[in-house]
Amino acid sequence: MSRATLDRPQTTSLAPRPSWSGVLWGLTRTRYLELVRQPVFGVCLLVGIALVALSPALAIFSLGNADALVLDLGASALLFFLVLLSALVIAAGSAERFGDGTTALVLSHPVSPLTVVLAEFLGAALALGQAASLLGFTLAWASRNGPDHIHWGVVAGGGVSLVVALAWGIRASLANKSFVAGTIGAATLLFPVAWLASQFLGHEGTPMAYEPAPALVLEAAIFGWQASLTFAAAGICLSTRLGGGAAAGGTLLMFVLGSLVRGPLGTESLGPIGHLSLLLPDLQLYWVGDAGYAEKSIPLDYMAQVFICTLLYAQIALGLASFSLERREF
């Protein structure tokens, strides 16, 4: 060894290793930002907002409780588009990350497969929660508008906030930033403020006393978000072994089968195959239409039970995903 080498000062890295919670939060935040920047996320969310907003027009010819039908149609659209996001964005996106070498690079560091899977799920939960809040405010505006009139307070609050959010997204795009993320971020801030302002405007747009939100709207948004979490967890599990298209298709197939088996067909009509329905999320748990037609509120203990069921299903699906990812060859 040369004298120059001996005289050279020896440096040692004293940087502390990041904690598990820090690694988890970093991966979660990265995954969330990737999700809300995808164009398909913005397109699905915008179409979902439009269909939820149009639910009063679809209920105009109702022969029964038209207000309950508006809630039923809007809540159904809300749930469907959240599940669609779980399939097209989360399941497909996770499969691409697992297949393009990104996950292999992360796992080459001291990061466990369980941490990676949990970060995928938590990032998805944040993105889906943001989407559920925007769809929930839209449903609240639609329910307040009703099927037989135009509520100019609703039109002013919802319409202006959406236009401003889109304009903000265009501004972000001109600054070489994500149009989708800019629009969604602006809408997340604007929708609550616009909703609060619209509660002081009457049918003709004139000032009035504060009017509370329509019944069951908050529950519909919470239940729709929880339903999408179960399909997101199932989609992440599928994505550890399937490609993007197959993982998305498998998640949507689970939704269709869950709607049929737990609904009109029933498990008895399928014989032994009906036992496979135990692997599917029970969509009836997240349905608020019956409560709307019966004009009843949803008990808090029932909401707590549904939340526990959602956590248990997600825990099982993520456990299987971690087991599958650990044994995958990269």
C-alpha atoms as a PDB file:
ATOM      1  CA  MET A   1       0.000   0.000   0.000  1.00  0.00           C
ATOM      2  CA  SER A   2       1.418   3.397  -0.947  1.00  0.00           C
ATOM      3  CA  ARG A   3       2.210   6.161   1.546  1.00  0.00           C
ATOM      4  CA  ALA A   4      -0.329   8.434  -0.175  1.00  0.00           C
ATOM      5  CA  THR A   5      -2.977   5.869   0.492  1.00  0.00           C
ATOM      6  CA  LEU A   6      -1.958   5.632   4.146  1.00  0.00           C
ATOM      7  CA  ASP A   7      -1.945   9.407   4.553  1.00  0.00           C
ATOM      8  CA  ARG A   8      -5.385   9.803   2.971  1.00  0.00           C
ATOM      9  CA  PRO A   9      -8.022  10.467   5.677  1.00  0.00           C
ATOM     10  CA  GLN A  10     -10.362   7.524   6.168  1.00  0.00           C
ATOM     11  CA  THR A  11     -14.057   8.501   6.245  1.00  0.00           C
ATOM     12  CA  THR A  12     -16.821   6.411   7.654  1.00  0.00           C
ATOM     13  CA  SER A  13     -20.502   6.923   7.030  1.00  0.00           C
ATOM     14  CA  LEU A  14     -22.158   7.810  10.309  1.00  0.00           C
ATOM     15  CA  ALA A  15     -25.583   8.465   8.784  1.00  0.00           C
ATOM     16  CA  PRO A  16     -28.217   6.622  10.814  1.00  0.00           C
ATOM     17  CA  ARG A  17     -30.274   4.002   9.073  1.00  0.00           C
ATOM     18  CA  PRO A  18     -33.828   5.164   8.433  1.00  0.00           C
ATOM     19  CA  SER A  19     -36.477   3.784  10.746  1.00  0.00           C
ATOM     20  CA  TRP A  20     -39.113   1.332   9.538  1.00  0.00           C
ATOM     21  CA  SER A  21     -41.823   3.965   9.854  1.00  0.00           C
ATOM     22  CA  GLY A  22     -39.734   6.412   7.805  1.00  0.00           C
ATOM     23  CA  VAL A  23     -39.190   3.853   5.050  1.00  0.00           C
ATOM     24  CA  LEU A  24     -42.891   2.950   5.065  1.00  0.00           C
ATOM     25  CA  TRP A  25     -43.980   6.580   4.862  1.00  0.00           C
ATOM     26  CA  GLY A  26     -41.503   7.321   2.063  1.00  0.00           C
ATOM     27  CA  LEU A  27     -42.747   4.404  -0.035  1.00  0.00           C
ATOM     28  CA  THR A  28     -46.371   5.259   0.757  1.00  0.00           C
ATOM     29  CA  ARG A  29     -45.978   8.888  -0.276  1.00  0.00           C
ATOM     30  CA  THR A  30     -44.185   7.890  -3.480  1.00  0.00           C
ATOM     31  CA  ARG A  31     -46.935   5.436  -4.370  1.00  0.00           C
ATOM     32  CA  TYR A  32     -49.669   7.999  -3.627  1.00  0.00           C
ATOM     33  CA  LEU A  33     -48.032  10.634  -5.836  1.00  0.00           C
ATOM     34  CA  GLU A  34     -47.657   8.122  -8.663  1.00  0.00           C
ATOM     35  CA  LEU A  35     -51.333   7.225  -8.459  1.00  0.00           C
ATOM     36  CA  VAL A  36     -52.783  10.761  -8.488  1.00  0.00           C
ATOM     37  CA  ARG A  37     -50.536  11.746 -11.413  1.00  0.00           C
ATOM     38  CA  GLN A  38     -51.802   9.024 -13.727  1.00  0.00           C
ATOM     39  CA  PRO A  39     -54.135  10.309 -16.473  1.00  0.00           C
ATOM     40  CA  VAL A  40     -56.418   7.273 -16.129  1.00  0.00           C
ATOM     41  CA  PHE A  41     -56.971   8.195 -12.474  1.00  0.00           C
ATOM     42  CA  GLY A  42     -58.117  11.680 -13.451  1.00  0.00           C
ATOM     43  CA  VAL A  43     -60.309  10.457 -16.330  1.00  0.00           C
ATOM     44  CA  CYS A  44     -62.085   7.833 -14.191  1.00  0.00           C
ATOM     45  CA  LEU A  45     -62.614  10.320 -11.382  1.00  0.00           C
ATOM     46  CA  LEU A  46     -63.955  13.023 -13.708  1.00  0.00           C
ATOM     47  CA  VAL A  47     -66.390  10.604 -15.379  1.00  0.00           C
ATOM     48  CA  GLY A  48     -67.462   9.381 -11.939  1.00  0.00           C
ATOM     49  CA  ILE A  49     -68.123  12.935 -10.764  1.00  0.00           C
ATOM     50  CA  ALA A  50     -70.174  13.600 -13.916  1.00  0.00           C
ATOM     51  CA  LEU A  51     -72.343  10.474 -13.477  1.00  0.00           C
ATOM     52  CA  VAL A  52     -72.906  11.113  -9.771  1.00  0.00           C
ATOM     53  CA  ALA A  53     -73.892  14.704 -10.605  1.00  0.00           C
ATOM     54  CA  LEU A  54     -76.352  13.412 -13.242  1.00  0.00           C
ATOM     55  CA  SER A  55     -78.149  11.076 -10.810  1.00  0.00           C
ATOM     56  CA  PRO A  56     -81.018  13.600 -10.267  1.00  0.00           C
ATOM     57  CA  ALA A  57     -81.678  13.640 -14.042  1.00  0.00           C
ATOM     58  CA  LEU A  58     -81.852   9.830 -14.088  1.00  0.00           C
ATOM     59  CA  ALA A  59     -84.321   9.782 -11.191  1.00  0.00           C
ATOM     60  CA  ILE A  60     -86.751  12.320 -12.642  1.00  0.00           C
ATOM     61  CA  PHE A  61     -89.231   9.654 -13.812  1.00  0.00           C
ATOM     62  CA  SER A  62     -89.287   7.754 -10.517  1.00  0.00           C
ATOM     63  CA  LEU A  63     -92.693   6.496  -9.377  1.00  0.00           C
ATOM     64  CA  GLY A  64     -91.593   6.149  -5.761  1.00  0.00           C
ATOM     65  CA  ASN A  65     -89.299   8.091  -3.457  1.00  0.00           C
ATOM     66  CA  ALA A  66     -87.330  10.140  -5.965  1.00  0.00           C
ATOM     67  CA  ASP A  67     -84.936  11.572  -3.379  1.00  0.00           C
ATOM     68  CA  ALA A  68     -84.033   8.052  -2.207  1.00  0.00           C
ATOM     69  CA  LEU A  69     -83.490   7.010  -5.827  1.00  0.00           C
ATOM     70  CA  VAL A  70     -81.103   9.930  -6.346  1.00  0.00           C
ATOM     71  CA  LEU A  71     -79.127   8.738  -3.332  1.00  0.00           C
ATOM     72  CA  ASP A  72     -79.212   5.115  -4.530  1.00  0.00           C
ATOM     73  CA  LEU A  73     -78.043   5.955  -8.059  1.00  0.00           C
ATOM     74  CA  GLY A  74     -75.399   8.379  -6.876  1.00  0.00           C
ATOM     75  CA  ALA A  75     -74.054   6.053  -4.175  1.00  0.00           C
ATOM     76  CA  SER A  76     -73.960   3.165  -6.679  1.00  0.00           C
ATOM     77  CA  ALA A  77     -71.976   5.258  -9.163  1.00  0.00           C
ATOM     78  CA  LEU A  78     -69.661   6.410  -6.369  1.00  0.00           C
ATOM     79  CA  LEU A  79     -68.930   2.839  -5.277  1.00  0.00           C
ATOM     80  CA  PHE A  80     -68.486   1.553  -8.829  1.00  0.00           C
ATOM     81  CA  PHE A  81     -65.978   4.203  -9.868  1.00  0.00           C
ATOM     82  CA  LEU A  82     -63.955   3.767  -6.686  1.00  0.00           C
ATOM     83  CA  VAL A  83     -63.741   0.037  -7.428  1.00  0.00           C
ATOM     84  CA  LEU A  84     -62.862   0.885 -11.041  1.00  0.00           C
ATOM     85  CA  LEU A  85     -59.980   2.997  -9.759  1.00  0.00           C
ATOM     86  CA  SER A  86     -58.892   0.058  -7.591  1.00  0.00           C
ATOM     87  CA  ALA A  87     -58.728  -2.152 -10.686  1.00  0.00           C
ATOM     88  CA  LEU A  88     -57.487   0.102 -13.501  1.00  0.00           C
ATOM     89  CA  VAL A  89     -55.072   2.218 -11.487  1.00  0.00           C
ATOM     90  CA  ILE A  90     -54.039   0.382  -8.328  1.00  0.00           C
ATOM     91  CA  ALA A  91     -54.030  -3.293  -9.355  1.00  0.00           C
ATOM     92  CA  ALA A  92     -52.604  -2.573 -12.813  1.00  0.00           C
ATOM     93  CA  GLY A  93     -50.084  -0.052 -11.468  1.00  0.00           C
ATOM     94  CA  SER A  94     -48.863  -2.403  -8.749  1.00  0.00           C
ATOM     95  CA  ALA A  95     -48.369  -5.174 -11.322  1.00  0.00           C
ATOM     96  CA  GLU A  96     -46.267  -2.827 -13.452  1.00  0.00           C
ATOM     97  CA  ARG A  97     -44.115  -1.856 -10.471  1.00  0.00           C
ATOM     98  CA  PHE A  98     -43.600  -5.493  -9.537  1.00  0.00           C
ATOM     99  CA  GLY A  99     -42.642  -6.340 -13.122  1.00  0.00           C
ATOM    100  CA  ASP A 100     -40.457  -3.417 -14.242  1.00  0.00           C
ATOM    101  CA  GLY A 101     -37.661  -3.919 -11.709  1.00  0.00           C
ATOM    102  CA  THR A 102     -38.691  -1.095  -9.365  1.00  0.00           C
ATOM    103  CA  THR A 103     -39.756  -3.471  -6.610  1.00  0.00           C
ATOM    104  CA  ALA A 104     -36.658  -5.621  -7.083  1.00  0.00           C
ATOM    105  CA  LEU A 105     -34.513  -2.507  -6.547  1.00  0.00           C
ATOM    106  CA  VAL A 106     -36.419  -1.634  -3.370  1.00  0.00           C
ATOM    107  CA  LEU A 107     -36.132  -5.188  -2.052  1.00  0.00           C
ATOM    108  CA  SER A 108     -32.375  -5.138  -2.648  1.00  0.00           C
ATOM    109  CA  HIS A 109     -32.213  -2.691   0.270  1.00  0.00           C
ATOM    110  CA  PRO A 110     -33.165  -3.791   3.796  1.00  0.00           C
ATOM    111  CA  VAL A 111     -36.889  -3.557   2.985  1.00  0.00           C
ATOM    112  CA  SER A 112     -39.190  -6.534   3.478  1.00  0.00           C
ATOM    113  CA  PRO A 113     -41.908  -7.648   1.040  1.00  0.00           C
ATOM    114  CA  LEU A 114     -44.492  -6.898   3.741  1.00  0.00           C
ATOM    115  CA  THR A 115     -43.318  -3.274   3.907  1.00  0.00           C
ATOM    116  CA  VAL A 116     -43.549  -2.938   0.133  1.00  0.00           C
ATOM    117  CA  VAL A 117     -47.055  -4.430   0.023  1.00  0.00           C
ATOM    118  CA  LEU A 118     -48.228  -2.326   2.960  1.00  0.00           C
ATOM    119  CA  ALA A 119     -46.885   0.847   1.320  1.00  0.00           C
ATOM    120  CA  GLU A 120     -48.719  -0.050  -1.907  1.00  0.00           C
ATOM    121  CA  PHE A 121     -51.951  -0.412   0.058  1.00  0.00           C
ATOM    122  CA  LEU A 122     -51.552   2.737   2.180  1.00  0.00           C
ATOM    123  CA  GLY A 123     -50.719   4.849  -0.869  1.00  0.00           C
ATOM    124  CA  ALA A 124     -53.809   3.438  -2.565  1.00  0.00           C
ATOM    125  CA  ALA A 125     -55.899   4.172   0.545  1.00  0.00           C
ATOM    126  CA  LEU A 126     -54.839   7.835   0.477  1.00  0.00           C
ATOM    127  CA  ALA A 127     -55.610   8.225  -3.237  1.00  0.00           C
ATOM    128  CA  LEU A 128     -58.952   6.418  -2.937  1.00  0.00           C
ATOM    129  CA  GLY A 129     -59.851   8.481   0.131  1.00  0.00           C
ATOM    130  CA  GLN A 130     -59.220  11.660  -1.829  1.00  0.00           C
ATOM    131  CA  ALA A 131     -61.375  10.374  -4.689  1.00  0.00           C
ATOM    132  CA  ALA A 132     -64.122   9.284  -2.267  1.00  0.00           C
ATOM    133  CA  SER A 133     -64.233  12.748  -0.687  1.00  0.00           C
ATOM    134  CA  LEU A 134     -64.664  14.465  -4.079  1.00  0.00           C
ATOM    135  CA  LEU A 135     -67.351  11.986  -5.154  1.00  0.00           C
ATOM    136  CA  GLY A 136     -69.008  12.371  -1.740  1.00  0.00           C
ATOM    137  CA  PHE A 137     -69.288  16.156  -2.062  1.00  0.00           C
ATOM    138  CA  THR A 138     -70.680  15.677  -5.565  1.00  0.00           C
ATOM    139  CA  LEU A 139     -73.280  13.246  -4.207  1.00  0.00           C
ATOM    140  CA  ALA A 140     -74.205  15.745  -1.480  1.00  0.00           C
ATOM    141  CA  TRP A 141     -74.775  18.418  -4.129  1.00  0.00           C
ATOM    142  CA  ALA A 142     -76.791  16.000  -6.279  1.00  0.00           C
ATOM    143  CA  SER A 143     -78.977  14.921  -3.335  1.00  0.00           C
ATOM    144  CA  ARG A 144     -79.595  18.506  -2.329  1.00  0.00           C
ATOM    145  CA  ASN A 145     -80.469  19.479  -5.890  1.00  0.00           C
ATOM    146  CA  GLY A 146     -83.149  16.781  -6.101  1.00  0.00           C
ATOM    147  CA  PRO A 147     -84.798  15.294  -9.200  1.00  0.00           C
ATOM    148  CA  ASP A 148     -87.439  17.913 -10.003  1.00  0.00           C
ATOM    149  CA  HIS A 149     -85.694  21.300 -10.016  1.00  0.00           C
ATOM    150  CA  ILE A 150     -82.425  23.128 -10.528  1.00  0.00           C
ATOM    151  CA  HIS A 151     -80.853  24.359  -7.315  1.00  0.00           C
ATOM    152  CA  TRP A 152     -78.804  27.393  -8.309  1.00  0.00           C
ATOM    153  CA  GLY A 153     -76.888  27.336  -5.049  1.00  0.00           C
ATOM    154  CA  VAL A 154     -75.730  23.818  -5.911  1.00  0.00           C
ATOM    155  CA  VAL A 155     -74.906  24.784  -9.506  1.00  0.00           C
ATOM    156  CA  ALA A 156     -72.910  27.804  -8.321  1.00  0.00           C
ATOM    157  CA  GLY A 157     -70.987  25.936  -5.631  1.00  0.00           C
ATOM    158  CA  GLY A 158     -70.236  22.724  -7.532  1.00  0.00           C
ATOM    159  CA  GLY A 159     -69.839  24.226 -10.987  1.00  0.00           C
ATOM    160  CA  VAL A 160     -67.555  27.104 -10.025  1.00  0.00           C
ATOM    161  CA  SER A 161     -65.303  24.915  -7.863  1.00  0.00           C
ATOM    162  CA  LEU A 162     -64.927  22.334 -10.653  1.00  0.00           C
ATOM    163  CA  VAL A 163     -64.092  25.001 -13.264  1.00  0.00           C
ATOM    164  CA  VAL A 164     -61.528  26.622 -10.964  1.00  0.00           C
ATOM    165  CA  ALA A 165     -59.973  23.218 -10.189  1.00  0.00           C
ATOM    166  CA  LEU A 166     -59.632  22.452 -13.915  1.00  0.00           C
ATOM    167  CA  ALA A 167     -58.120  25.885 -14.508  1.00  0.00           C
ATOM    168  CA  TRP A 168     -55.618  25.212 -11.739  1.00  0.00           C
ATOM    169  CA  GLY A 169     -54.725  21.920 -13.392  1.00  0.00           C
ATOM    170  CA  ILE A 170     -54.113  23.730 -16.700  1.00  0.00           C
ATOM    171  CA  ARG A 171     -51.881  26.204 -14.863  1.00  0.00           C
ATOM    172  CA  ALA A 172     -49.914  23.300 -13.380  1.00  0.00           C
ATOM    173  CA  SER A 173     -49.593  21.727 -16.824  1.00  0.00           C
ATOM    174  CA  LEU A 174     -48.198  24.959 -18.288  1.00  0.00           C
ATOM    175  CA  ALA A 175     -45.601  24.894 -15.502  1.00  0.00           C
ATOM    176  CA  ASN A 176     -44.564  21.373 -16.606  1.00  0.00           C
ATOM    177  CA  LYS A 177     -46.300  19.764 -13.639  1.00  0.00           C
ATOM    178  CA  SER A 178     -49.001  17.105 -13.538  1.00  0.00           C
ATOM    179  CA  PHE A 179     -52.394  18.369 -14.749  1.00  0.00           C
ATOM    180  CA  VAL A 180     -54.209  15.520 -12.974  1.00  0.00           C
ATOM    181  CA  ALA A 181     -52.457  16.008  -9.631  1.00  0.00           C
ATOM    182  CA  GLY A 182     -52.941  19.778  -9.814  1.00  0.00           C
ATOM    183  CA  THR A 183     -56.647  19.475 -10.589  1.00  0.00           C
ATOM    184  CA  ILE A 184     -57.294  16.882  -7.893  1.00  0.00           C
ATOM    185  CA  GLY A 185     -55.310  18.818  -5.302  1.00  0.00           C
ATOM    186  CA  ALA A 186     -57.177  22.039  -6.068  1.00  0.00           C
ATOM    187  CA  ALA A 187     -60.553  20.271  -6.039  1.00  0.00           C
ATOM    188  CA  THR A 188     -59.748  18.697  -2.669  1.00  0.00           C
ATOM    189  CA  LEU A 189     -59.309  22.187  -1.213  1.00  0.00           C
ATOM    190  CA  LEU A 190     -62.112  23.896  -3.154  1.00  0.00           C
ATOM    191  CA  PHE A 191     -64.956  21.381  -2.826  1.00  0.00           C
ATOM    192  CA  PRO A 192     -65.350  21.666   0.985  1.00  0.00           C
ATOM    193  CA  VAL A 193     -65.216  25.471   0.835  1.00  0.00           C
ATOM    194  CA  ALA A 194     -67.683  25.612  -2.071  1.00  0.00           C
ATOM    195  CA  TRP A 195     -69.983  23.153  -0.304  1.00  0.00           C
ATOM    196  CA  LEU A 196     -70.025  25.275   2.840  1.00  0.00           C
ATOM    197  CA  ALA A 197     -70.760  28.418   0.805  1.00  0.00           C
ATOM    198  CA  SER A 198     -73.531  26.695  -1.180  1.00  0.00           C
ATOM    199  CA  GLN A 199     -75.273  25.725   2.067  1.00  0.00           C
ATOM    200  CA  PHE A 200     -76.142  29.392   2.543  1.00  0.00           C
ATOM    201  CA  LEU A 201     -77.704  29.720  -0.941  1.00  0.00           C
ATOM    202  CA  GLY A 202     -81.295  28.789  -1.771  1.00  0.00           C
ATOM    203  CA  HIS A 203     -82.914  27.416  -4.923  1.00  0.00           C
ATOM    204  CA  GLU A 204     -82.769  30.779  -6.662  1.00  0.00           C
ATOM    205  CA  GLY A 205     -79.240  31.505  -5.516  1.00  0.00           C
ATOM    206  CA  THR A 206     -80.423  33.929  -2.838  1.00  0.00           C
ATOM    207  CA  PRO A 207     -78.907  33.958   0.670  1.00  0.00           C
ATOM    208  CA  MET A 208     -80.617  31.773   3.281  1.00  0.00           C
ATOM    209  CA  ALA A 209     -79.948  30.138   6.632  1.00  0.00           C
ATOM    210  CA  TYR A 210     -77.483  27.257   6.799  1.00  0.00           C
ATOM    211  CA  GLU A 211     -78.935  23.974   5.544  1.00  0.00           C
ATOM    212  CA  PRO A 212     -77.430  20.674   6.798  1.00  0.00           C
ATOM    213  CA  ALA A 213     -76.122  18.051   4.410  1.00  0.00           C
ATOM    214  CA  PRO A 214     -78.573  15.438   3.054  1.00  0.00           C
ATOM    215  CA  ALA A 215     -78.905  12.225   5.034  1.00  0.00           C
ATOM    216  CA  LEU A 216     -76.685   9.180   4.367  1.00  0.00           C
ATOM    217  CA  VAL A 217     -74.311  11.026   2.012  1.00  0.00           C
ATOM    218  CA  LEU A 218     -71.384  10.835   4.434  1.00  0.00           C
ATOM    219  CA  GLU A 219     -72.089   7.142   5.055  1.00  0.00           C
ATOM    220  CA  ALA A 220     -72.212   6.470   1.301  1.00  0.00           C
ATOM    221  CA  ALA A 221     -68.773   8.043   0.820  1.00  0.00           C
ATOM    222  CA  ILE A 222     -67.262   6.167   3.789  1.00  0.00           C
ATOM    223  CA  PHE A 223     -68.743   2.821   2.747  1.00  0.00           C
ATOM    224  CA  GLY A 224     -67.686   3.325  -0.882  1.00  0.00           C
ATOM    225  CA  TRP A 225     -64.138   4.069   0.231  1.00  0.00           C
ATOM    226  CA  GLN A 226     -64.036   0.974   2.430  1.00  0.00           C
ATOM    227  CA  ALA A 227     -65.410  -1.220  -0.375  1.00  0.00           C
ATOM    228  CA  SER A 228     -62.710   0.063  -2.710  1.00  0.00           C
ATOM    229  CA  LEU A 229     -60.064  -0.763  -0.089  1.00  0.00           C
ATOM    230  CA  THR A 230     -61.068  -4.434  -0.120  1.00  0.00           C
ATOM    231  CA  PHE A 231     -60.752  -4.594  -3.912  1.00  0.00           C
ATOM    232  CA  ALA A 232     -57.497  -2.626  -3.815  1.00  0.00           C
ATOM    233  CA  ALA A 233     -56.046  -5.181  -1.384  1.00  0.00           C
ATOM    234  CA  ALA A 234     -57.290  -8.037  -3.583  1.00  0.00           C
ATOM    235  CA  GLY A 235     -55.868  -6.328  -6.679  1.00  0.00           C
ATOM    236  CA  ILE A 236     -52.460  -5.899  -5.039  1.00  0.00           C
ATOM    237  CA  CYS A 237     -52.507  -9.602  -4.157  1.00  0.00           C
ATOM    238  CA  LEU A 238     -53.291 -10.518  -7.777  1.00  0.00           C
ATOM    239  CA  SER A 239     -50.639  -8.131  -9.080  1.00  0.00           C
ATOM    240  CA  THR A 240     -47.851 -10.080  -7.373  1.00  0.00           C
ATOM    241  CA  ARG A 241     -48.387 -12.904  -9.890  1.00  0.00           C
ATOM    242  CA  LEU A 242     -50.223 -11.361 -12.854  1.00  0.00           C
ATOM    243  CA  GLY A 243     -49.529  -8.647 -15.385  1.00  0.00           C
ATOM    244  CA  GLY A 244     -51.234  -5.266 -15.344  1.00  0.00           C
ATOM    245  CA  GLY A 245     -54.174  -6.141 -17.594  1.00  0.00           C
ATOM    246  CA  ALA A 246     -54.789  -9.495 -15.942  1.00  0.00           C
ATOM    247  CA  ALA A 247     -54.640  -8.001 -12.429  1.00  0.00           C
ATOM    248  CA  ALA A 248     -57.102  -5.257 -13.383  1.00  0.00           C
ATOM    249  CA  GLY A 249     -59.386  -7.742 -15.133  1.00  0.00           C
ATOM    250  CA  GLY A 250     -59.259 -10.128 -12.182  1.00  0.00           C
ATOM    251  CA  THR A 251     -60.202  -7.326  -9.770  1.00  0.00           C
ATOM    252  CA  LEU A 252     -63.165  -6.291 -11.937  1.00  0.00           C
ATOM    253  CA  LEU A 253     -64.208  -9.942 -12.265  1.00  0.00           C
ATOM    254  CA  MET A 254     -64.256 -10.200  -8.477  1.00  0.00           C
ATOM    255  CA  PHE A 255     -66.513  -7.141  -8.377  1.00  0.00           C
ATOM    256  CA  VAL A 256     -68.927  -8.614 -10.945  1.00  0.00           C
ATOM    257  CA  LEU A 257     -69.002 -12.012  -9.225  1.00  0.00           C
ATOM    258  CA  GLY A 258     -69.445 -10.365  -5.841  1.00  0.00           C
ATOM    259  CA  SER A 259     -72.395  -8.355  -7.189  1.00  0.00           C
ATOM    260  CA  LEU A 260     -74.065 -11.466  -8.646  1.00  0.00           C
ATOM    261  CA  VAL A 261     -73.282 -14.134  -6.067  1.00  0.00           C
ATOM    262  CA  ARG A 262     -74.010 -11.973  -3.054  1.00  0.00           C
ATOM    263  CA  GLY A 263     -76.985 -10.442  -4.822  1.00  0.00           C
ATOM    264  CA  PRO A 264     -79.551 -11.840  -7.294  1.00  0.00           C
ATOM    265  CA  LEU A 265     -78.005 -15.299  -7.868  1.00  0.00           C
ATOM    266  CA  GLY A 266     -77.185 -16.222  -4.302  1.00  0.00           C
ATOM    267  CA  THR A 267     -74.710 -18.836  -3.161  1.00  0.00           C
ATOM    268  CA  GLU A 268     -77.252 -21.670  -3.090  1.00  0.00           C
ATOM    269  CA  SER A 269     -77.905 -21.566  -6.844  1.00  0.00           C
ATOM    270  CA  LEU A 270     -74.212 -22.193  -7.586  1.00  0.00           C
ATOM    271  CA  GLY A 271     -73.855 -25.387  -5.543  1.00  0.00           C
ATOM    272  CA  PRO A 272     -70.309 -26.173  -4.363  1.00  0.00           C
ATOM    273  CA  ILE A 273     -68.922 -23.266  -6.399  1.00  0.00           C
ATOM    274  CA  GLY A 274     -70.938 -20.950  -4.188  1.00  0.00           C
ATOM    275  CA  HIS A 275     -68.437 -21.503  -1.378  1.00  0.00           C
ATOM    276  CA  LEU A 276     -65.918 -19.544  -3.440  1.00  0.00           C
ATOM    277  CA  SER A 277     -67.995 -16.470  -2.645  1.00  0.00           C
ATOM    278  CA  LEU A 278     -66.269 -16.474   0.748  1.00  0.00           C
ATOM    279  CA  LEU A 279     -63.206 -15.151  -1.090  1.00  0.00           C
ATOM    280  CA  LEU A 280     -65.158 -12.179  -2.468  1.00  0.00           C
ATOM    281  CA  PRO A 281     -65.902  -8.922  -0.645  1.00  0.00           C
ATOM    282  CA  ASP A 282     -69.556  -8.719   0.419  1.00  0.00           C
ATOM    283  CA  LEU A 283     -70.859  -5.644  -1.399  1.00  0.00           C
ATOM    284  CA  GLN A 284     -74.131  -5.761   0.532  1.00  0.00           C
ATOM    285  CA  LEU A 285     -72.223  -4.565   3.590  1.00  0.00           C
ATOM    286  CA  TYR A 286     -71.463  -1.274   1.849  1.00  0.00           C
ATOM    287  CA  TRP A 287     -74.890  -0.585   0.353  1.00  0.00           C
ATOM    288  CA  VAL A 288     -76.813   2.443   1.674  1.00  0.00           C
ATOM    289  CA  GLY A 289     -79.724   2.346  -0.791  1.00  0.00           C
ATOM    290  CA  ASP A 290     -81.965   0.266   1.475  1.00  0.00           C
ATOM    291  CA  ALA A 291     -81.500   2.725   4.342  1.00  0.00           C
ATOM    292  CA  GLY A 292     -82.353   5.577   1.978  1.00  0.00           C
ATOM    293  CA  TYR A 293     -85.625   3.994   0.837  1.00  0.00           C
ATOM    294  CA  ALA A 294     -86.537   3.137   4.436  1.00  0.00           C
ATOM    295  CA  GLU A 295     -85.552   6.674   5.524  1.00  0.00           C
ATOM    296  CA  LYS A 296     -83.479   5.292   8.381  1.00  0.00           C
ATOM    297  CA  SER A 297     -80.051   6.237   9.629  1.00  0.00           C
ATOM    298  CA  ILE A 298     -77.214   3.714   9.807  1.00  0.00           C
ATOM    299  CA  PRO A 299     -76.298   2.740  13.402  1.00  0.00           C
ATOM    300  CA  LEU A 300     -72.771   3.482  14.544  1.00  0.00           C
ATOM    301  CA  ASP A 301     -72.252  -0.096  15.724  1.00  0.00           C
ATOM    302  CA  TYR A 302     -73.014  -1.355  12.206  1.00  0.00           C
ATOM    303  CA  MET A 303     -70.488   1.092  10.734  1.00  0.00           C
ATOM    304  CA  ALA A 304     -67.908  -0.164  13.242  1.00  0.00           C
ATOM    305  CA  GLN A 305     -68.600  -3.792  12.285  1.00  0.00           C
ATOM    306  CA  VAL A 306     -68.212  -3.005   8.575  1.00  0.00           C
ATOM    307  CA  PHE A 307     -64.933  -1.233   9.289  1.00  0.00           C
ATOM    308  CA  ILE A 308     -63.624  -4.286  11.176  1.00  0.00           C
ATOM    309  CA  CYS A 309     -64.688  -6.585   8.318  1.00  0.00           C
ATOM    310  CA  THR A 310     -62.870  -4.333   5.847  1.00  0.00           C
ATOM    311  CA  LEU A 311     -59.687  -4.404   7.922  1.00  0.00           C
ATOM    312  CA  LEU A 312     -59.829  -8.192   8.279  1.00  0.00           C
ATOM    313  CA  TYR A 313     -60.313  -8.743   4.543  1.00  0.00           C
ATOM    314  CA  ALA A 314     -57.514  -6.316   3.683  1.00  0.00           C
ATOM    315  CA  GLN A 315     -55.223  -7.936   6.246  1.00  0.00           C
ATOM    316  CA  ILE A 316     -55.760 -11.401   4.774  1.00  0.00           C
ATOM    317  CA  ALA A 317     -55.293 -10.178   1.181  1.00  0.00           C
ATOM    318  CA  LEU A 318     -52.133  -8.238   2.032  1.00  0.00           C
ATOM    319  CA  GLY A 319     -50.748 -11.186   3.982  1.00  0.00           C
ATOM    320  CA  LEU A 320     -51.201 -13.408   0.926  1.00  0.00           C
ATOM    321  CA  ALA A 321     -49.657 -10.698  -1.259  1.00  0.00           C
ATOM    322  CA  SER A 322     -46.589 -10.489   1.000  1.00  0.00           C
ATOM    323  CA  PHE A 323     -46.229 -14.290   0.983  1.00  0.00           C
ATOM    324  CA  SER A 324     -46.518 -14.376  -2.813  1.00  0.00           C
ATOM    325  CA  LEU A 325     -44.088 -11.486  -3.339  1.00  0.00           C
ATOM    326  CA  GLU A 326     -41.488 -13.063  -1.061  1.00  0.00           C
ATOM    327  CA  ARG A 327     -41.444 -16.175  -3.253  1.00  0.00           C
ATOM    328  CA  ARG A 328     -41.428 -14.373  -6.589  1.00  0.00           C
ATOM    329  CA  GLU A 329     -38.332 -14.490  -8.765  1.00  0.00           C
ATOM    330  CA  PHE A 330     -37.144 -11.037  -9.893  1.00  0.00           C
END
